[in-house]
Protein backbone atom coordinates (compact mmCIF):
# COMPACT_ATOMS: atom_id res chain seq x y z
CA MET A 1 -36.42 -43.44 -22.59
CA HIS A 2 -33.64 -44.72 -24.83
CA TRP A 3 -32.94 -41.26 -26.35
CA SER A 4 -33.06 -39.52 -22.93
CA VAL A 5 -30.32 -41.83 -21.64
CA TRP A 6 -28.11 -40.96 -24.67
CA ILE A 7 -28.77 -37.25 -24.14
CA VAL A 8 -27.84 -37.43 -20.48
CA ALA A 9 -24.69 -39.38 -21.34
CA ALA A 10 -23.70 -36.86 -24.05
CA VAL A 11 -24.26 -33.89 -21.73
CA SER A 12 -22.20 -35.62 -19.03
CA MET A 13 -19.33 -36.32 -21.45
CA LEU A 14 -19.36 -32.72 -22.70
CA THR A 15 -19.31 -31.47 -19.12
CA ILE A 16 -16.33 -33.70 -18.31
CA PHE A 17 -14.46 -32.56 -21.43
CA ALA A 18 -15.20 -28.90 -20.57
CA ILE A 19 -13.86 -29.38 -17.01
CA LEU A 20 -10.74 -31.14 -18.32
CA PHE A 21 -10.17 -28.40 -20.87
CA VAL A 22 -10.43 -25.69 -18.22
CA VAL A 23 -7.97 -27.57 -15.97
CA PHE A 24 -5.59 -28.08 -18.91
CA MET A 25 -5.66 -24.35 -19.78
CA MET A 26 -5.07 -23.40 -16.12
CA LEU A 27 -2.06 -25.80 -15.90
CA ARG A 28 -0.77 -24.47 -19.21
CA GLU A 29 -0.99 -20.87 -17.98
CA ASP A 30 0.72 -21.76 -14.70
CA ASN A 31 3.50 -23.52 -16.65
CA LYS A 32 3.91 -20.49 -18.89
CA LYS A 33 4.23 -18.18 -15.92
CA GLU A 34 6.73 -20.58 -14.29
CA GLN A 35 8.88 -20.63 -17.43
CA GLU A 36 8.80 -16.84 -17.60
CA GLN A 37 9.84 -16.64 -13.96
CA ARG A 38 12.67 -19.13 -14.47
CA SER A 39 13.84 -17.10 -17.51
CA LYS A 40 13.91 -13.96 -15.40
CA PHE A 41 16.23 -15.60 -12.87
CA GLY A 42 18.36 -17.24 -15.54
CA ALA A 43 17.61 -20.64 -13.99
CA GLY A 44 19.42 -23.64 -15.46
CA MET A 45 22.42 -21.64 -16.64
CA SER A 46 25.93 -23.02 -16.21
CA ARG A 47 27.16 -22.44 -12.69
CA ASP A 48 29.29 -19.39 -12.06
CA ARG A 49 32.52 -21.04 -10.91
CA ASP A 50 33.93 -17.75 -9.67
CA PHE A 51 31.10 -17.38 -7.18
CA HIS A 52 32.05 -18.30 -3.60
CA ALA A 53 29.30 -17.58 -1.07
CA ASP A 54 30.18 -15.91 2.23
CA PHE A 55 26.54 -16.04 3.22
CA THR A 56 23.76 -18.49 2.19
CA ALA A 57 20.11 -18.60 3.13
CA GLU A 58 18.72 -21.94 2.02
CA ASN A 59 16.49 -21.69 -1.08
CA ILE A 60 16.49 -17.90 -0.86
CA ILE A 61 19.81 -16.11 -1.57
CA SER A 62 23.62 -16.45 -1.46
CA ILE A 63 26.03 -13.51 -1.29
CA ASP A 64 29.67 -13.37 -2.33
CA TYR A 65 31.06 -10.23 -0.71
CA LYS A 66 34.62 -10.74 -1.99
CA GLY A 67 33.39 -11.18 -5.59
CA ARG A 68 30.76 -8.48 -5.04
CA LYS A 69 27.82 -10.42 -6.40
CA LEU A 70 24.81 -12.38 -5.21
CA ARG A 71 22.81 -15.34 -6.50
CA PRO A 72 19.10 -15.99 -5.96
CA GLU A 73 18.52 -19.62 -4.80
CA LEU A 74 14.91 -19.89 -5.87
CA TYR A 75 15.86 -22.31 -8.69
CA GLU A 76 18.87 -24.47 -9.43
CA ASN A 77 21.78 -22.55 -11.11
CA CYS A 78 20.32 -19.12 -11.11
CA LYS A 79 22.44 -16.40 -12.67
CA THR A 80 24.64 -14.29 -10.44
CA ILE A 81 24.04 -10.57 -10.20
CA SER A 82 26.87 -8.06 -9.69
CA PHE A 83 26.45 -5.55 -6.84
CA LYS A 84 26.80 -2.72 -9.40
CA ARG A 85 23.64 -3.96 -11.22
CA ILE A 86 21.53 -3.82 -8.02
CA LEU A 87 19.36 -0.69 -7.60
CA GLY A 88 17.63 -1.74 -4.42
CA VAL A 89 16.80 -4.71 -2.22
CA GLN A 90 14.04 -5.16 0.32
CA ILE A 91 12.53 -7.72 2.62
CA ILE A 92 8.77 -7.44 2.41
CA ARG A 93 6.05 -8.85 4.58
CA ASP A 94 3.80 -10.46 1.91
CA SER A 95 0.30 -9.80 3.19
CA THR A 96 -3.11 -8.36 2.32
CA VAL A 97 -4.86 -6.00 4.75
CA TYR A 98 -8.63 -5.70 4.68
CA THR A 99 -11.34 -4.26 6.97
CA GLU A 100 -14.56 -5.81 8.17
CA THR A 101 -17.45 -3.78 9.53
CA LYS A 102 -20.20 -5.25 11.71
CA LEU A 103 -23.02 -3.58 13.52
CA LYS A 104 -23.01 -4.52 17.22
CA GLY A 105 -26.50 -5.12 18.59
CA ALA A 106 -28.08 -5.34 15.10
CA THR A 107 -29.36 -8.90 15.68
CA LEU A 108 -31.13 -7.99 18.89
CA ASN A 109 -32.52 -4.80 17.33
CA THR A 110 -33.87 -6.89 14.42
CA PHE A 111 -35.87 -9.13 16.75
CA VAL A 112 -37.12 -6.22 18.90
CA GLY A 113 -38.05 -4.12 15.85
CA GLY A 114 -39.79 -7.05 14.18
CA ALA A 115 -41.78 -7.81 17.37
CA LEU A 116 -42.89 -4.18 17.77
CA MET A 117 -43.35 -3.04 14.16
CA GLY A 118 -43.29 -6.17 12.00
CA THR A 119 -41.19 -6.27 8.81
CA PRO A 120 -40.42 -2.45 8.69
CA GLY A 121 -39.20 -2.64 12.28
CA ALA A 122 -37.04 -5.66 11.61
CA ILE A 123 -35.42 -3.84 8.63
CA ILE A 124 -34.77 -0.73 10.71
CA GLY A 125 -33.36 -2.88 13.52
CA ALA A 126 -31.07 -4.77 11.16
CA CYS A 127 -29.59 -1.42 9.90
CA SER A 128 -29.06 -0.06 13.39
CA GLY A 129 -26.37 -0.76 15.99
CA THR A 130 -22.87 0.40 16.79
CA PRO A 131 -20.35 0.06 13.94
CA ASP A 132 -17.54 -2.33 14.86
CA ILE A 133 -14.62 -1.99 12.43
CA ARG A 134 -11.94 -4.65 12.48
CA VAL A 135 -8.70 -4.77 10.52
CA HIS A 136 -7.53 -8.19 9.37
CA GLU A 137 -4.20 -9.20 7.79
CA ASN A 138 -3.81 -12.23 5.57
CA HIS A 139 -0.09 -12.95 6.08
CA ARG A 140 1.28 -15.16 3.28
CA GLY A 141 4.90 -15.04 4.38
CA TRP A 142 8.01 -12.98 3.50
CA LYS A 143 9.86 -12.26 0.29
CA ILE A 144 13.00 -10.49 -0.90
CA THR A 145 12.51 -8.04 -3.74
CA LEU A 146 15.52 -7.16 -5.90
CA HIS A 147 15.52 -4.17 -8.19
CA THR A 148 18.17 -4.31 -10.93
CA ASP A 149 19.09 -2.53 -14.17
CA ILE A 150 19.08 -5.87 -16.01
CA LYS A 151 16.64 -5.81 -18.94
CA GLY A 152 13.81 -8.27 -18.40
CA ALA A 153 14.77 -8.77 -14.74
CA GLU A 154 14.14 -5.30 -13.40
CA ARG A 155 12.15 -6.71 -10.42
CA LEU A 156 12.90 -10.16 -9.00
CA GLU A 157 10.81 -11.56 -6.11
CA ILE A 158 12.20 -14.38 -3.99
CA PRO A 159 9.55 -15.81 -1.58
CA PHE A 160 10.59 -17.56 1.59
CA PRO A 161 9.67 -21.26 1.53
CA LYS A 162 6.81 -21.85 3.92
CA GLY A 163 6.29 -24.15 6.87
CA ARG A 164 9.80 -25.31 7.71
CA LYS A 165 13.10 -24.19 9.22
CA LEU A 166 15.78 -23.10 6.77
CA TYR A 167 19.47 -22.97 7.38
CA ILE A 168 21.59 -19.87 7.20
CA GLU A 169 25.28 -20.53 6.63
CA LYS A 170 27.87 -17.87 7.50
CA ASP A 171 31.48 -17.92 8.62
CA GLY A 172 31.53 -21.72 8.37
CA SER A 173 28.62 -22.22 10.82
CA ARG A 174 25.06 -23.24 10.08
CA SER A 175 21.95 -22.28 12.08
CA TYR A 176 18.27 -22.90 11.40
CA TYR A 177 15.55 -20.27 11.58
CA LYS A 178 11.84 -20.00 10.82
CA ASN A 179 9.25 -17.34 10.17
CA GLN A 180 9.91 -14.05 12.03
CA LYS A 181 13.43 -14.98 13.21
CA LEU A 182 14.40 -15.97 9.67
CA ALA A 183 13.14 -12.62 8.43
CA ASP A 184 14.99 -10.78 11.20
CA LYS A 185 18.25 -12.58 10.42
CA LEU A 186 17.92 -11.84 6.72
CA THR A 187 17.00 -8.19 7.44
CA VAL A 188 20.35 -7.76 9.20
CA GLU A 189 22.21 -9.34 6.29
CA ILE A 190 20.33 -7.26 3.71
CA GLN A 191 21.41 -4.15 5.59
CA HIS A 192 25.02 -5.31 5.34
CA LEU A 193 24.55 -6.03 1.60
CA GLU A 194 23.08 -2.57 1.09
CA HIS A 195 26.11 -1.03 2.80
CA GLU A 196 28.58 -3.09 0.74
CA ALA A 197 26.73 -2.28 -2.48
CA GLY A 198 26.53 1.43 -1.63
CA LEU A 199 22.72 1.44 -1.33
CA ASP A 200 22.26 2.40 2.34
CA LEU A 201 21.24 6.00 2.03
CA PRO A 202 20.58 7.89 5.30
CA ASP A 203 17.08 7.40 6.65
CA ASN A 204 16.14 10.63 8.47
CA THR A 205 12.75 9.24 9.51
CA ALA A 206 14.09 6.31 11.57
CA ASP A 207 14.47 6.67 15.33
CA PRO A 208 18.09 5.56 16.04
CA VAL A 209 17.34 4.74 19.70
CA ALA A 210 14.41 2.52 18.73
CA GLU A 211 16.51 0.81 16.02
CA ILE A 212 19.33 0.06 18.48
CA ARG A 213 16.86 -1.31 21.03
CA ARG A 214 15.26 -3.54 18.41
CA TYR A 215 18.61 -5.02 17.37
CA SER A 216 19.66 -5.37 21.03
CA GLN A 217 16.54 -7.53 21.51
CA LEU A 218 17.53 -9.65 18.50
CA LEU A 219 21.02 -10.02 20.09
CA ASP A 220 19.42 -11.21 23.35
CA GLU A 221 17.27 -13.75 21.42
CA GLY A 222 20.37 -15.08 19.65
CA VAL A 223 19.23 -14.09 16.19
CA ILE A 224 22.28 -11.92 15.58
CA THR A 225 25.83 -12.18 16.94
CA ASP A 226 27.79 -9.60 18.99
CA ASP A 227 29.81 -8.64 15.91
CA GLU A 228 26.68 -8.11 13.83
CA PHE A 229 25.09 -5.97 16.59
CA GLU A 230 28.22 -3.81 16.90
CA ARG A 231 28.39 -3.37 13.15
CA ILE A 232 24.73 -2.37 12.92
CA LYS A 233 25.03 -0.02 15.89
CA ASP A 234 28.07 1.74 14.37
CA ARG A 235 26.21 2.15 11.09
CA ILE A 236 23.15 3.66 12.83
CA ILE A 237 25.34 6.08 14.80
CA ASN A 238 27.29 7.08 11.67
CA ARG A 239 24.01 8.05 10.00
CA LEU A 240 23.44 10.82 12.56
């Protein structure tokens, strides 16, 4: 009995140490990835004193149109990026799409088949029924993706902070947005950034009437201003 207690205690201690070791290695790996991410964004660098933001989205991005550069706001004191170093910029819906297939009526067929033919009938019943295919989306939020020609920072992803309203500051005014409206507002600004940086190539697949209607709806909802709507409308028309 005495030895069995010691064996149990030793096994328990080893189990605890193994769990702690796994947790430590996971935290260490997460910290390593975080440091690599911070290095990509140049976080902690001395602040660019020549940077004066004309547009700021809290904890996401700031843009200096006069100085022709932007600064990610994911970390404190991220490095600024000149427009000429930007190859592309996108707002992406960060989600995973998966399908689920169920057989309608399979449960009833299983009982009926089992009652009539026993186990073989139950198996046949379980495999029968009408296929019901459903598409699900696991939406994790939104993110901005920057493509640059900077070595080691060719792709920078800036996720939107979750679960709270964030301010957007422009022309001396500050407004708060959340979720879809925040993404809509930033989409408009990213289009302006693409135009200023010379990245807005004509999109021959887009329906100009549908685009104008979409932005007209955003204007009615107060997401964009009259000036922003007119600027976007002119740009869409000029693409034709």
